[in-house]
Amino acid sequence: MIEFLINLDKQIFLAINGFHSPFFDHVMYFLSMKLVWAPLYIALIALMWSSYRRKFLVILPLIILMVTLTDQVSVVLFKDVFLRLRPCHDPSLEGLVRILHDHCGGQYGFISSHASNTFGVAVFSGLVLRHRYGWVLPLLIFWAAAVSYSRIYLGVHFPADVLVGAVVGAFIGWLIYALMKWLFKKWKKYRVSSLS
């Protein structure tokens, strides 16, 4: 069964990686770049600050914790444990994988840190902002899915790397949001007790 799933994963990868055009080469390479999304991250932080003001002092360390967890969990608990080669390093796919600008990345790819990080940011930010900006969560999920898809297109991750990375990232994002809600309740109780 495991072998069947691995082979299916490879076939889906080859179909996605093999379906390309010069236009989408540029689009997918752009989506995968980390620094180009800095304005988005700044905008999300600004929206959180304007929505929560003093409570933002609680949110900021949680953002740092969430990003650290999504990034490190994807490496320490997955890449370093499962040691699954990236498609562009997999000998069984030699000559079949199309990569751009000779960029392949590290040796191991399960799970995708891009998927874990972007879905963590999407779920956490979307849940934090949904009471004022209901459109943010679906838009961020779409963004995270597009970034994650680009990793398969570019030949650096299998679909399973991206799917599991998305689930792990989304779960961590939700978990940190739940922690935020719990801390806000403690904050409220503390303020009430200090005023009485």
N, C-alpha and C. Protein backbone atom coordinates (compact mmCIF):
# COMPACT_ATOMS: atom_id res chain seq x y z
N MET A 1 0.82 -1.21 0.00
CA MET A 1 0.00 0.00 0.00
C MET A 1 0.86 1.27 0.00
N ILE A 2 1.91 1.28 0.86
CA ILE A 2 2.80 2.43 0.93
C ILE A 2 3.50 2.65 -0.41
N GLU A 3 3.94 1.54 -1.00
CA GLU A 3 4.63 1.63 -2.29
C GLU A 3 3.70 2.17 -3.37
N PHE A 4 2.43 1.74 -3.33
CA PHE A 4 1.43 2.24 -4.28
C PHE A 4 1.25 3.75 -4.14
N LEU A 5 1.15 4.23 -2.88
CA LEU A 5 0.97 5.66 -2.62
C LEU A 5 2.18 6.48 -3.06
N ILE A 6 3.38 5.93 -2.82
CA ILE A 6 4.60 6.62 -3.24
C ILE A 6 4.66 6.73 -4.76
N ASN A 7 4.30 5.63 -5.45
CA ASN A 7 4.30 5.65 -6.92
C ASN A 7 3.25 6.61 -7.46
N LEU A 8 2.08 6.64 -6.82
CA LEU A 8 1.01 7.57 -7.22
C LEU A 8 1.48 9.01 -7.03
N ASP A 9 2.13 9.26 -5.91
CA ASP A 9 2.67 10.58 -5.61
C ASP A 9 3.65 11.02 -6.71
N LYS A 10 4.49 10.09 -7.13
CA LYS A 10 5.47 10.40 -8.18
C LYS A 10 4.78 10.68 -9.52
N GLN A 11 3.74 9.91 -9.83
CA GLN A 11 3.02 10.11 -11.09
C GLN A 11 2.32 11.45 -11.13
N ILE A 12 1.69 11.82 -10.01
CA ILE A 12 1.03 13.13 -9.93
C ILE A 12 2.06 14.24 -10.02
N PHE A 13 3.19 14.04 -9.36
CA PHE A 13 4.28 15.02 -9.44
C PHE A 13 4.71 15.24 -10.88
N LEU A 14 4.96 14.15 -11.60
CA LEU A 14 5.44 14.25 -12.98
C LEU A 14 4.41 14.95 -13.87
N ALA A 15 3.12 14.71 -13.61
CA ALA A 15 2.07 15.36 -14.40
C ALA A 15 2.08 16.88 -14.16
N ILE A 16 2.20 17.28 -12.90
CA ILE A 16 2.21 18.71 -12.57
C ILE A 16 3.50 19.36 -13.05
N ASN A 17 4.61 18.73 -12.75
CA ASN A 17 5.92 19.28 -13.11
C ASN A 17 6.10 19.35 -14.63
N GLY A 18 5.46 18.43 -15.34
CA GLY A 18 5.61 18.38 -16.79
C GLY A 18 4.67 19.32 -17.54
N PHE A 19 3.67 19.86 -16.84
CA PHE A 19 2.70 20.78 -17.46
C PHE A 19 3.19 22.21 -17.22
N HIS A 20 3.89 22.77 -18.19
CA HIS A 20 4.52 24.06 -17.96
C HIS A 20 4.46 24.94 -19.21
N SER A 21 4.75 26.22 -18.99
CA SER A 21 4.84 27.19 -20.07
C SER A 21 5.78 28.30 -19.61
N PRO A 22 6.37 29.08 -20.53
CA PRO A 22 7.25 30.18 -20.12
C PRO A 22 6.57 31.17 -19.18
N PHE A 23 5.27 31.45 -19.42
CA PHE A 23 4.53 32.39 -18.57
C PHE A 23 4.45 31.85 -17.14
N PHE A 24 4.02 30.60 -17.00
CA PHE A 24 3.87 30.02 -15.66
C PHE A 24 5.22 29.75 -14.99
N ASP A 25 6.26 29.57 -15.79
CA ASP A 25 7.60 29.47 -15.19
C ASP A 25 7.90 30.71 -14.36
N HIS A 26 7.60 31.88 -14.92
CA HIS A 26 7.85 33.14 -14.21
C HIS A 26 6.92 33.29 -13.01
N VAL A 27 5.65 32.96 -13.21
CA VAL A 27 4.66 33.09 -12.13
C VAL A 27 5.03 32.19 -10.95
N MET A 28 5.32 30.93 -11.22
CA MET A 28 5.61 29.97 -10.15
C MET A 28 6.92 30.27 -9.44
N TYR A 29 7.91 30.73 -10.20
CA TYR A 29 9.18 31.10 -9.58
C TYR A 29 8.98 32.30 -8.65
N PHE A 30 8.16 33.26 -9.09
CA PHE A 30 7.84 34.43 -8.28
C PHE A 30 7.11 34.01 -6.99
N LEU A 31 6.12 33.13 -7.14
CA LEU A 31 5.34 32.68 -5.97
C LEU A 31 6.23 32.03 -4.91
N SER A 32 7.27 31.34 -5.34
CA SER A 32 8.14 30.61 -4.42
C SER A 32 9.18 31.48 -3.72
N MET A 33 9.36 32.70 -4.21
CA MET A 33 10.35 33.58 -3.59
C MET A 33 9.84 34.06 -2.24
N LYS A 34 10.71 34.02 -1.24
CA LYS A 34 10.29 34.37 0.12
C LYS A 34 10.19 35.87 0.35
N LEU A 35 11.18 36.61 -0.10
CA LEU A 35 11.23 38.05 0.21
C LEU A 35 10.12 38.86 -0.47
N VAL A 36 9.60 38.37 -1.59
CA VAL A 36 8.56 39.15 -2.28
C VAL A 36 7.28 39.25 -1.45
N TRP A 37 7.14 38.36 -0.47
CA TRP A 37 5.93 38.37 0.36
C TRP A 37 6.08 39.22 1.62
N ALA A 38 7.24 39.87 1.79
CA ALA A 38 7.45 40.73 2.96
C ALA A 38 6.37 41.81 3.09
N PRO A 39 5.95 42.48 1.99
CA PRO A 39 4.87 43.47 2.13
C PRO A 39 3.56 42.87 2.64
N LEU A 40 3.26 41.62 2.23
CA LEU A 40 2.06 40.95 2.73
C LEU A 40 2.16 40.74 4.24
N TYR A 41 3.31 40.26 4.71
CA TYR A 41 3.48 40.01 6.14
C TYR A 41 3.38 41.32 6.94
N ILE A 42 3.97 42.38 6.40
CA ILE A 42 3.89 43.69 7.07
C ILE A 42 2.45 44.17 7.12
N ALA A 43 1.71 43.98 6.02
CA ALA A 43 0.30 44.39 5.98
C ALA A 43 -0.54 43.60 7.00
N LEU A 44 -0.29 42.30 7.12
CA LEU A 44 -1.03 41.49 8.09
C LEU A 44 -0.74 41.93 9.52
N ILE A 45 0.54 42.20 9.80
CA ILE A 45 0.90 42.68 11.14
C ILE A 45 0.25 44.02 11.43
N ALA A 46 0.23 44.91 10.42
CA ALA A 46 -0.40 46.23 10.59
C ALA A 46 -1.90 46.09 10.85
N LEU A 47 -2.56 45.18 10.15
CA LEU A 47 -4.00 44.95 10.37
C LEU A 47 -4.26 44.39 11.76
N MET A 48 -3.40 43.49 12.22
CA MET A 48 -3.55 42.93 13.56
C MET A 48 -3.35 44.01 14.62
N TRP A 49 -2.34 44.84 14.41
CA TRP A 49 -2.08 45.92 15.37
C TRP A 49 -3.26 46.89 15.44
N SER A 50 -3.78 47.28 14.26
CA SER A 50 -4.90 48.23 14.25
C SER A 50 -6.18 47.61 14.80
N SER A 51 -6.30 46.29 14.73
CA SER A 51 -7.50 45.61 15.23
C SER A 51 -7.44 45.36 16.74
N TYR A 52 -6.24 45.17 17.29
CA TYR A 52 -6.13 44.74 18.69
C TYR A 52 -5.41 45.73 19.61
N ARG A 53 -4.66 46.66 19.04
CA ARG A 53 -3.94 47.68 19.82
C ARG A 53 -3.13 47.07 20.97
N ARG A 54 -3.57 47.28 22.22
CA ARG A 54 -2.75 46.81 23.36
C ARG A 54 -2.59 45.29 23.38
N LYS A 55 -3.61 44.57 22.93
CA LYS A 55 -3.52 43.11 22.92
C LYS A 55 -2.49 42.61 21.89
N PHE A 56 -2.06 43.51 21.00
CA PHE A 56 -1.06 43.12 20.02
C PHE A 56 0.24 42.72 20.70
N LEU A 57 0.46 43.21 21.93
CA LEU A 57 1.64 42.80 22.70
C LEU A 57 1.62 41.30 23.01
N VAL A 58 0.41 40.71 23.03
CA VAL A 58 0.27 39.26 23.19
C VAL A 58 0.45 38.57 21.84
N ILE A 59 -0.08 39.18 20.78
CA ILE A 59 -0.08 38.56 19.45
C ILE A 59 1.32 38.48 18.85
N LEU A 60 2.13 39.52 19.00
CA LEU A 60 3.44 39.56 18.36
C LEU A 60 4.34 38.38 18.74
N PRO A 61 4.51 38.08 20.06
CA PRO A 61 5.33 36.90 20.39
C PRO A 61 4.72 35.60 19.87
N LEU A 62 3.39 35.55 19.77
CA LEU A 62 2.73 34.35 19.24
C LEU A 62 3.02 34.17 17.75
N ILE A 63 3.11 35.28 17.02
CA ILE A 63 3.48 35.21 15.60
C ILE A 63 4.89 34.63 15.47
N ILE A 64 5.80 35.12 16.29
CA ILE A 64 7.18 34.63 16.26
C ILE A 64 7.22 33.14 16.61
N LEU A 65 6.46 32.74 17.63
CA LEU A 65 6.39 31.33 18.03
C LEU A 65 5.82 30.48 16.90
N MET A 66 4.76 30.96 16.27
CA MET A 66 4.11 30.19 15.20
C MET A 66 5.04 29.98 14.01
N VAL A 67 5.72 31.05 13.58
CA VAL A 67 6.64 30.94 12.44
C VAL A 67 7.81 30.01 12.78
N THR A 68 8.31 30.12 14.01
CA THR A 68 9.41 29.25 14.44
C THR A 68 8.98 27.79 14.43
N LEU A 69 7.78 27.52 14.95
CA LEU A 69 7.28 26.14 15.01
C LEU A 69 7.04 25.56 13.62
N THR A 70 6.36 26.31 12.75
CA THR A 70 6.08 25.77 11.41
C THR A 70 7.37 25.47 10.66
N ASP A 71 8.36 26.32 10.85
CA ASP A 71 9.63 26.13 10.14
C ASP A 71 10.43 24.98 10.73
N GLN A 72 10.58 24.97 12.06
CA GLN A 72 11.43 23.96 12.71
C GLN A 72 10.79 22.58 12.75
N VAL A 73 9.49 22.51 12.96
CA VAL A 73 8.79 21.21 12.96
C VAL A 73 8.95 20.54 11.59
N SER A 74 8.84 21.33 10.52
CA SER A 74 8.95 20.76 9.18
C SER A 74 10.33 20.15 8.93
N VAL A 75 11.34 20.69 9.60
CA VAL A 75 12.70 20.18 9.42
C VAL A 75 13.02 19.09 10.45
N VAL A 76 12.91 19.43 11.73
CA VAL A 76 13.36 18.54 12.80
C VAL A 76 12.50 17.28 12.93
N LEU A 77 11.18 17.44 12.84
CA LEU A 77 10.29 16.28 13.04
C LEU A 77 9.92 15.55 11.75
N PHE A 78 10.26 16.14 10.60
CA PHE A 78 9.90 15.49 9.34
C PHE A 78 11.12 15.27 8.42
N LYS A 79 11.70 16.35 7.90
CA LYS A 79 12.81 16.17 6.96
C LYS A 79 13.93 15.34 7.56
N ASP A 80 14.33 15.66 8.79
CA ASP A 80 15.44 14.95 9.43
C ASP A 80 15.08 13.55 9.91
N VAL A 81 13.79 13.22 9.93
CA VAL A 81 13.34 11.90 10.39
C VAL A 81 13.05 10.98 9.20
N PHE A 82 12.26 11.46 8.23
CA PHE A 82 11.83 10.61 7.12
C PHE A 82 12.88 10.50 6.00
N LEU A 83 13.72 11.53 5.87
CA LEU A 83 14.81 11.50 4.89
C LEU A 83 14.34 11.16 3.48
N ARG A 84 13.17 11.67 3.09
CA ARG A 84 12.67 11.43 1.74
C ARG A 84 13.30 12.43 0.78
N LEU A 85 13.96 11.90 -0.24
CA LEU A 85 14.63 12.76 -1.21
C LEU A 85 13.65 13.65 -1.96
N ARG A 86 14.10 14.85 -2.26
CA ARG A 86 13.31 15.73 -3.14
C ARG A 86 13.26 15.09 -4.52
N PRO A 87 12.23 15.43 -5.31
CA PRO A 87 12.15 14.86 -6.67
C PRO A 87 13.41 15.12 -7.49
N CYS A 88 13.97 16.33 -7.33
CA CYS A 88 15.15 16.69 -8.12
C CYS A 88 16.42 15.99 -7.64
N HIS A 89 16.34 15.28 -6.50
CA HIS A 89 17.47 14.48 -6.01
C HIS A 89 17.19 12.98 -6.09
N ASP A 90 15.99 12.61 -6.50
CA ASP A 90 15.56 11.21 -6.52
C ASP A 90 16.14 10.50 -7.75
N PRO A 91 17.01 9.50 -7.54
CA PRO A 91 17.63 8.79 -8.68
C PRO A 91 16.60 8.13 -9.60
N SER A 92 15.46 7.70 -9.05
CA SER A 92 14.45 7.03 -9.89
C SER A 92 13.78 8.00 -10.86
N LEU A 93 13.95 9.31 -10.64
CA LEU A 93 13.34 10.31 -11.52
C LEU A 93 14.39 11.09 -12.33
N GLU A 94 15.61 10.56 -12.33
CA GLU A 94 16.69 11.26 -13.02
C GLU A 94 16.36 11.47 -14.49
N GLY A 95 16.48 12.70 -14.95
CA GLY A 95 16.19 13.05 -16.34
C GLY A 95 14.74 13.36 -16.59
N LEU A 96 13.88 13.18 -15.60
CA LEU A 96 12.44 13.42 -15.78
C LEU A 96 11.96 14.70 -15.10
N VAL A 97 12.75 15.19 -14.15
CA VAL A 97 12.33 16.35 -13.36
C VAL A 97 12.81 17.64 -14.01
N ARG A 98 11.88 18.57 -14.13
CA ARG A 98 12.21 19.88 -14.71
C ARG A 98 12.34 20.89 -13.59
N ILE A 99 13.52 21.50 -13.46
CA ILE A 99 13.74 22.54 -12.44
C ILE A 99 14.14 23.83 -13.15
N LEU A 100 13.90 24.95 -12.47
CA LEU A 100 14.23 26.26 -13.05
C LEU A 100 15.48 26.83 -12.38
N HIS A 101 16.30 27.48 -13.16
CA HIS A 101 17.50 28.18 -12.68
C HIS A 101 18.42 27.28 -11.86
N ASP A 102 18.41 25.98 -12.17
CA ASP A 102 19.27 25.00 -11.48
C ASP A 102 19.08 25.02 -9.97
N HIS A 103 17.87 25.38 -9.53
CA HIS A 103 17.61 25.43 -8.08
C HIS A 103 16.82 24.20 -7.65
N CYS A 104 17.43 23.42 -6.75
CA CYS A 104 16.75 22.21 -6.26
C CYS A 104 16.48 22.28 -4.76
N GLY A 105 17.35 22.90 -4.01
CA GLY A 105 17.17 22.96 -2.56
C GLY A 105 17.93 21.84 -1.87
N GLY A 106 17.67 21.69 -0.56
CA GLY A 106 18.34 20.66 0.23
C GLY A 106 18.00 19.26 -0.25
N GLN A 107 18.66 18.29 0.31
CA GLN A 107 18.51 16.92 -0.16
C GLN A 107 17.12 16.34 0.11
N TYR A 108 16.55 16.65 1.27
CA TYR A 108 15.28 16.04 1.68
C TYR A 108 14.11 17.02 1.59
N GLY A 109 12.93 16.48 1.27
CA GLY A 109 11.80 17.36 1.00
C GLY A 109 10.52 17.08 1.75
N PHE A 110 10.46 16.05 2.55
CA PHE A 110 9.22 15.73 3.26
C PHE A 110 9.35 16.18 4.72
N ILE A 111 8.66 17.27 5.08
CA ILE A 111 7.58 17.97 4.39
C ILE A 111 8.08 19.31 3.84
N SER A 112 7.23 19.96 3.05
CA SER A 112 7.57 21.26 2.49
C SER A 112 7.49 22.35 3.56
N SER A 113 8.61 23.00 3.80
CA SER A 113 8.62 24.13 4.75
C SER A 113 7.83 25.30 4.20
N HIS A 114 7.87 25.50 2.88
CA HIS A 114 7.06 26.55 2.26
C HIS A 114 5.58 26.33 2.58
N ALA A 115 5.10 25.10 2.40
CA ALA A 115 3.69 24.79 2.67
C ALA A 115 3.36 24.96 4.14
N SER A 116 4.22 24.44 5.00
CA SER A 116 4.00 24.54 6.44
C SER A 116 3.97 26.00 6.89
N ASN A 117 4.93 26.78 6.44
CA ASN A 117 5.01 28.19 6.84
C ASN A 117 3.83 29.01 6.32
N THR A 118 3.53 28.86 5.03
CA THR A 118 2.46 29.69 4.46
C THR A 118 1.09 29.32 5.01
N PHE A 119 0.82 28.03 5.20
CA PHE A 119 -0.47 27.65 5.77
C PHE A 119 -0.57 28.03 7.24
N GLY A 120 0.55 27.99 7.96
CA GLY A 120 0.54 28.48 9.34
C GLY A 120 0.18 29.95 9.40
N VAL A 121 0.84 30.75 8.56
CA VAL A 121 0.56 32.19 8.50
C VAL A 121 -0.89 32.43 8.07
N ALA A 122 -1.34 31.70 7.05
CA ALA A 122 -2.69 31.89 6.51
C ALA A 122 -3.76 31.60 7.56
N VAL A 123 -3.65 30.46 8.23
CA VAL A 123 -4.68 30.07 9.20
C VAL A 123 -4.64 30.97 10.43
N PHE A 124 -3.47 31.20 10.97
CA PHE A 124 -3.37 32.05 12.17
C PHE A 124 -3.85 33.47 11.86
N SER A 125 -3.31 34.09 10.82
CA SER A 125 -3.67 35.47 10.49
C SER A 125 -5.15 35.58 10.11
N GLY A 126 -5.62 34.62 9.32
CA GLY A 126 -7.02 34.65 8.91
C GLY A 126 -7.98 34.54 10.08
N LEU A 127 -7.66 33.66 11.05
CA LEU A 127 -8.52 33.51 12.23
C LEU A 127 -8.45 34.75 13.13
N VAL A 128 -7.26 35.31 13.27
CA VAL A 128 -7.09 36.50 14.11
C VAL A 128 -7.88 37.69 13.54
N LEU A 129 -7.92 37.79 12.21
CA LEU A 129 -8.53 38.97 11.58
C LEU A 129 -9.96 38.77 11.09
N ARG A 130 -10.50 37.56 11.20
CA ARG A 130 -11.78 37.28 10.56
C ARG A 130 -12.95 38.06 11.15
N HIS A 131 -12.85 38.49 12.41
CA HIS A 131 -13.97 39.23 13.01
C HIS A 131 -14.15 40.60 12.36
N ARG A 132 -13.08 41.15 11.77
CA ARG A 132 -13.17 42.45 11.09
C ARG A 132 -13.03 42.35 9.59
N TYR A 133 -12.28 41.35 9.15
CA TYR A 133 -12.01 41.19 7.71
C TYR A 133 -12.29 39.73 7.32
N GLY A 134 -13.55 39.43 7.10
CA GLY A 134 -13.96 38.06 6.82
C GLY A 134 -13.36 37.47 5.56
N TRP A 135 -12.96 38.34 4.64
CA TRP A 135 -12.41 37.90 3.35
C TRP A 135 -10.94 37.46 3.45
N VAL A 136 -10.29 37.80 4.56
CA VAL A 136 -8.84 37.55 4.67
C VAL A 136 -8.52 36.06 4.69
N LEU A 137 -9.25 35.27 5.48
CA LEU A 137 -8.94 33.84 5.62
C LEU A 137 -8.99 33.10 4.29
N PRO A 138 -10.11 33.17 3.52
CA PRO A 138 -10.10 32.45 2.24
C PRO A 138 -9.03 32.95 1.26
N LEU A 139 -8.78 34.25 1.28
CA LEU A 139 -7.75 34.81 0.40
C LEU A 139 -6.37 34.29 0.76
N LEU A 140 -6.08 34.21 2.06
CA LEU A 140 -4.78 33.71 2.51
C LEU A 140 -4.63 32.21 2.25
N ILE A 141 -5.72 31.46 2.39
CA ILE A 141 -5.67 30.02 2.08
C ILE A 141 -5.36 29.83 0.59
N PHE A 142 -5.98 30.64 -0.25
CA PHE A 142 -5.71 30.56 -1.69
C PHE A 142 -4.24 30.89 -1.97
N TRP A 143 -3.73 31.94 -1.31
CA TRP A 143 -2.32 32.32 -1.46
C TRP A 143 -1.39 31.18 -1.04
N ALA A 144 -1.66 30.58 0.12
CA ALA A 144 -0.82 29.49 0.63
C ALA A 144 -0.87 28.29 -0.32
N ALA A 145 -2.05 28.01 -0.87
CA ALA A 145 -2.19 26.89 -1.80
C ALA A 145 -1.40 27.16 -3.09
N ALA A 146 -1.43 28.41 -3.58
CA ALA A 146 -0.70 28.77 -4.79
C ALA A 146 0.81 28.65 -4.58
N VAL A 147 1.29 29.14 -3.44
CA VAL A 147 2.72 29.03 -3.12
C VAL A 147 3.12 27.56 -3.03
N SER A 148 2.29 26.76 -2.37
CA SER A 148 2.58 25.33 -2.19
C SER A 148 2.59 24.60 -3.53
N TYR A 149 1.62 24.91 -4.39
CA TYR A 149 1.56 24.29 -5.72
C TYR A 149 2.82 24.62 -6.52
N SER A 150 3.32 25.85 -6.35
CA SER A 150 4.51 26.26 -7.10
C SER A 150 5.71 25.38 -6.79
N ARG A 151 5.75 24.83 -5.58
CA ARG A 151 6.87 23.99 -5.18
C ARG A 151 6.88 22.67 -5.97
N ILE A 152 5.70 22.16 -6.30
CA ILE A 152 5.61 20.95 -7.13
C ILE A 152 5.97 21.29 -8.57
N TYR A 153 5.40 22.38 -9.05
CA TYR A 153 5.66 22.85 -10.43
C TYR A 153 7.16 23.02 -10.67
N LEU A 154 7.85 23.58 -9.67
CA LEU A 154 9.27 23.87 -9.81
C LEU A 154 10.16 22.64 -9.63
N GLY A 155 9.56 21.50 -9.28
CA GLY A 155 10.31 20.25 -9.21
C GLY A 155 11.04 19.99 -7.91
N VAL A 156 10.70 20.76 -6.86
CA VAL A 156 11.44 20.62 -5.60
C VAL A 156 10.67 19.87 -4.52
N HIS A 157 9.38 19.58 -4.77
CA HIS A 157 8.59 18.82 -3.80
C HIS A 157 7.59 17.91 -4.48
N PHE A 158 7.34 16.77 -3.86
CA PHE A 158 6.26 15.89 -4.27
C PHE A 158 4.94 16.44 -3.72
N PRO A 159 3.80 16.06 -4.33
CA PRO A 159 2.51 16.50 -3.80
C PRO A 159 2.30 16.14 -2.32
N ALA A 160 2.75 14.96 -1.89
CA ALA A 160 2.59 14.56 -0.48
C ALA A 160 3.38 15.48 0.45
N ASP A 161 4.55 15.94 0.00
CA ASP A 161 5.35 16.88 0.79
C ASP A 161 4.54 18.13 1.09
N VAL A 162 3.84 18.60 0.06
CA VAL A 162 3.08 19.83 0.14
C VAL A 162 1.79 19.63 0.94
N LEU A 163 1.08 18.52 0.68
CA LEU A 163 -0.19 18.27 1.39
C LEU A 163 0.03 18.10 2.89
N VAL A 164 1.00 17.29 3.27
CA VAL A 164 1.26 17.08 4.69
C VAL A 164 1.80 18.37 5.32
N GLY A 165 2.64 19.08 4.58
CA GLY A 165 3.15 20.37 5.06
C GLY A 165 2.02 21.35 5.32
N ALA A 166 1.04 21.38 4.42
CA ALA A 166 -0.11 22.27 4.58
C ALA A 166 -0.92 21.91 5.82
N VAL A 167 -1.15 20.62 6.04
CA VAL A 167 -1.91 20.17 7.21
C VAL A 167 -1.17 20.52 8.50
N VAL A 168 0.13 20.24 8.52
CA VAL A 168 0.93 20.54 9.72
C VAL A 168 0.93 22.04 9.99
N GLY A 169 1.16 22.85 8.96
CA GLY A 169 1.18 24.29 9.13
C GLY A 169 -0.15 24.84 9.59
N ALA A 170 -1.24 24.36 8.97
CA ALA A 170 -2.58 24.82 9.34
C ALA A 170 -2.89 24.45 10.79
N PHE A 171 -2.49 23.24 11.20
CA PHE A 171 -2.73 22.81 12.58
C PHE A 171 -1.97 23.68 13.58
N ILE A 172 -0.71 23.98 13.26
CA ILE A 172 0.09 24.83 14.15
C ILE A 172 -0.51 26.23 14.21
N GLY A 173 -0.94 26.76 13.05
CA GLY A 173 -1.58 28.07 13.02
C GLY A 173 -2.82 28.11 13.89
N TRP A 174 -3.65 27.05 13.79
CA TRP A 174 -4.87 26.97 14.61
C TRP A 174 -4.51 26.83 16.09
N LEU A 175 -3.50 26.03 16.39
CA LEU A 175 -3.08 25.81 17.78
C LEU A 175 -2.61 27.12 18.43
N ILE A 176 -1.83 27.90 17.71
CA ILE A 176 -1.34 29.17 18.25
C ILE A 176 -2.50 30.17 18.38
N TYR A 177 -3.46 30.10 17.47
CA TYR A 177 -4.66 30.95 17.60
C TYR A 177 -5.45 30.56 18.86
N ALA A 178 -5.59 29.26 19.11
CA ALA A 178 -6.28 28.79 20.33
C ALA A 178 -5.54 29.26 21.58
N LEU A 179 -4.23 29.24 21.53
CA LEU A 179 -3.42 29.74 22.65
C LEU A 179 -3.67 31.24 22.85
N MET A 180 -3.77 31.97 21.76
CA MET A 180 -4.05 33.41 21.84
C MET A 180 -5.39 33.66 22.52
N LYS A 181 -6.41 32.90 22.13
CA LYS A 181 -7.75 33.07 22.74
C LYS A 181 -7.69 32.78 24.24
N TRP A 182 -6.96 31.76 24.64
CA TRP A 182 -6.81 31.41 26.06
C TRP A 182 -6.10 32.53 26.81
N LEU A 183 -5.05 33.09 26.21
CA LEU A 183 -4.31 34.19 26.84
C LEU A 183 -5.19 35.44 26.96
N PHE A 184 -6.03 35.68 25.95
CA PHE A 184 -6.94 36.83 26.02
C PHE A 184 -7.94 36.67 27.17
N LYS A 185 -8.40 35.44 27.40
CA LYS A 185 -9.32 35.20 28.53
C LYS A 185 -8.61 35.47 29.85
N LYS A 186 -7.36 35.02 29.95
CA LYS A 186 -6.57 35.29 31.16
C LYS A 186 -6.36 36.80 31.34
N TRP A 187 -6.09 37.48 30.25
CA TRP A 187 -5.89 38.94 30.26
C TRP A 187 -7.15 39.62 30.81
N LYS A 188 -8.31 39.18 30.28
CA LYS A 188 -9.59 39.78 30.70
C LYS A 188 -9.85 39.55 32.18
N LYS A 189 -9.62 38.32 32.64
CA LYS A 189 -9.82 38.00 34.07
C LYS A 189 -8.87 38.82 34.95
N TYR A 190 -7.64 38.96 34.49
CA TYR A 190 -6.65 39.73 35.25
C TYR A 190 -7.07 41.20 35.37
N ARG A 191 -7.56 41.75 34.25
CA ARG A 191 -7.98 43.16 34.27
C ARG A 191 -9.19 43.37 35.17
N VAL A 192 -10.15 42.42 35.12
CA VAL A 192 -11.34 42.52 35.97
C VAL A 192 -10.95 42.44 37.44
N SER A 193 -10.08 41.46 37.78
CA SER A 193 -9.68 41.28 39.17
C SER A 193 -8.84 42.46 39.67
N SER A 194 -8.05 43.07 38.79
CA SER A 194 -7.22 44.20 39.22
C SER A 194 -8.02 45.47 39.43
N LEU A 195 -9.20 45.54 38.76
CA LEU A 195 -10.05 46.70 38.90
C LEU A 195 -10.98 46.60 40.11
N SER A 196 -11.22 45.37 40.60
CA SER A 196 -12.15 45.18 41.73
C SER A 196 -11.45 45.30 43.08
